[in-house]
Amino acid sequence: MDVYFPNETEGWIAAVNSILHTQDGGFTWTVAYTTSSSVLSIFFLDQFYGWAGGSYGEIWKTTNGGITWISTGSQTKYSWIFDI
């Protein structure tokens, strides 16, 4: 749904039911986090702080470079976050 590359090797994908991560410029991808809803947007402020937004108004955040993600839970069934 969305792709964010803070540099030429590290990247993130907001996908259906997951957040994907690469450390080799996109040659290989791993699942960094699995969700129960679609992830529609993703953005990192720096190497540690990132946010993702998705269906039903759900927002996920990381403060440790994507090692762990915290969900806010669904906010409403009518809100979808397409850009964050």
Protein backbone atom coordinates (compact mmCIF):
# COMPACT_ATOMS: atom_id res chain seq x y z
CA MET A 1 0.00 0.00 0.00
CA ASP A 2 2.91 2.35 0.80
CA VAL A 3 6.71 2.22 0.65
CA TYR A 4 9.21 4.28 2.66
CA PHE A 5 13.00 4.20 2.19
CA PRO A 6 14.92 6.48 4.60
CA ASN A 7 18.16 5.56 2.80
CA GLU A 8 19.27 3.36 -0.11
CA THR A 9 19.41 0.11 1.87
CA GLU A 10 16.70 0.24 4.54
CA GLY A 11 13.05 0.25 3.58
CA TRP A 12 9.55 -0.39 4.85
CA ILE A 13 6.32 -1.52 3.17
CA ALA A 14 2.82 -1.00 4.53
CA ALA A 15 0.98 -4.12 3.36
CA VAL A 16 -2.20 -6.07 3.91
CA ASN A 17 -2.03 -7.39 7.48
CA SER A 18 1.70 -6.64 7.91
CA ILE A 19 4.63 -4.27 7.91
CA LEU A 20 7.58 -5.50 5.85
CA HIS A 21 11.25 -4.51 6.24
CA THR A 22 14.37 -4.70 4.08
CA GLN A 23 17.99 -3.96 4.93
CA ASP A 24 19.46 -4.73 1.51
CA GLY A 25 17.78 -2.21 -0.76
CA GLY A 26 14.71 -4.34 -1.38
CA PHE A 27 16.31 -7.57 -2.55
CA THR A 28 14.84 -9.45 0.42
CA TRP A 29 11.95 -8.56 2.70
CA THR A 30 10.95 -9.86 6.14
CA VAL A 31 7.73 -9.43 8.09
CA ALA A 32 8.49 -6.94 10.85
CA TYR A 33 4.98 -6.92 12.30
CA THR A 34 1.70 -8.73 11.66
CA THR A 35 -1.60 -6.89 12.06
CA SER A 36 -5.26 -7.82 12.02
CA SER A 37 -6.08 -5.03 9.56
CA SER A 38 -4.53 -3.45 6.48
CA VAL A 39 -1.58 -1.09 6.88
CA LEU A 40 -2.03 1.75 4.39
CA SER A 41 0.78 4.22 5.15
CA ILE A 42 4.16 4.28 6.86
CA PHE A 43 6.70 6.95 7.79
CA PHE A 44 9.85 7.16 9.92
CA LEU A 45 11.03 10.40 11.53
CA ASP A 46 14.52 8.98 12.11
CA GLN A 47 16.12 5.56 12.59
CA PHE A 48 14.08 4.88 15.75
CA TYR A 49 10.69 6.61 15.56
CA GLY A 50 8.10 5.46 13.03
CA TRP A 51 4.35 5.37 12.53
CA ALA A 52 2.01 3.41 10.34
CA GLY A 53 -1.67 4.04 9.70
CA GLY A 54 -4.32 1.70 8.48
CA SER A 55 -7.88 0.65 8.10
CA TYR A 56 -10.42 1.46 10.80
CA GLY A 57 -8.28 4.36 12.01
CA GLU A 58 -5.66 2.13 13.58
CA ILE A 59 -2.18 3.60 14.17
CA TRP A 60 0.96 1.67 15.04
CA LYS A 61 4.16 3.20 16.38
CA THR A 62 7.71 2.10 17.01
CA THR A 63 10.35 3.82 19.10
CA ASN A 64 13.12 1.28 18.51
CA GLY A 65 13.54 1.13 14.76
CA GLY A 66 10.76 -1.35 14.08
CA ILE A 67 11.88 -4.06 16.50
CA THR A 68 8.54 -3.73 18.31
CA TRP A 69 5.31 -2.00 17.26
CA ILE A 70 2.52 -0.73 19.52
CA SER A 71 -1.06 -0.50 18.25
CA THR A 72 -3.59 2.15 19.26
CA GLY A 73 -6.37 -0.25 18.34
CA SER A 74 -9.18 0.51 15.94
CA GLN A 75 -10.57 3.99 16.42
CA THR A 76 -13.62 3.81 14.14
CA LYS A 77 -14.92 1.58 11.40
CA TYR A 78 -15.32 4.62 9.11
CA SER A 79 -11.78 6.05 9.28
CA TRP A 80 -8.96 4.91 7.05
CA ILE A 81 -5.48 6.45 7.29
CA PHE A 82 -4.00 6.72 3.81
CA ASP A 83 -1.15 9.09 4.70
CA ILE A 84 0.82 9.55 7.90
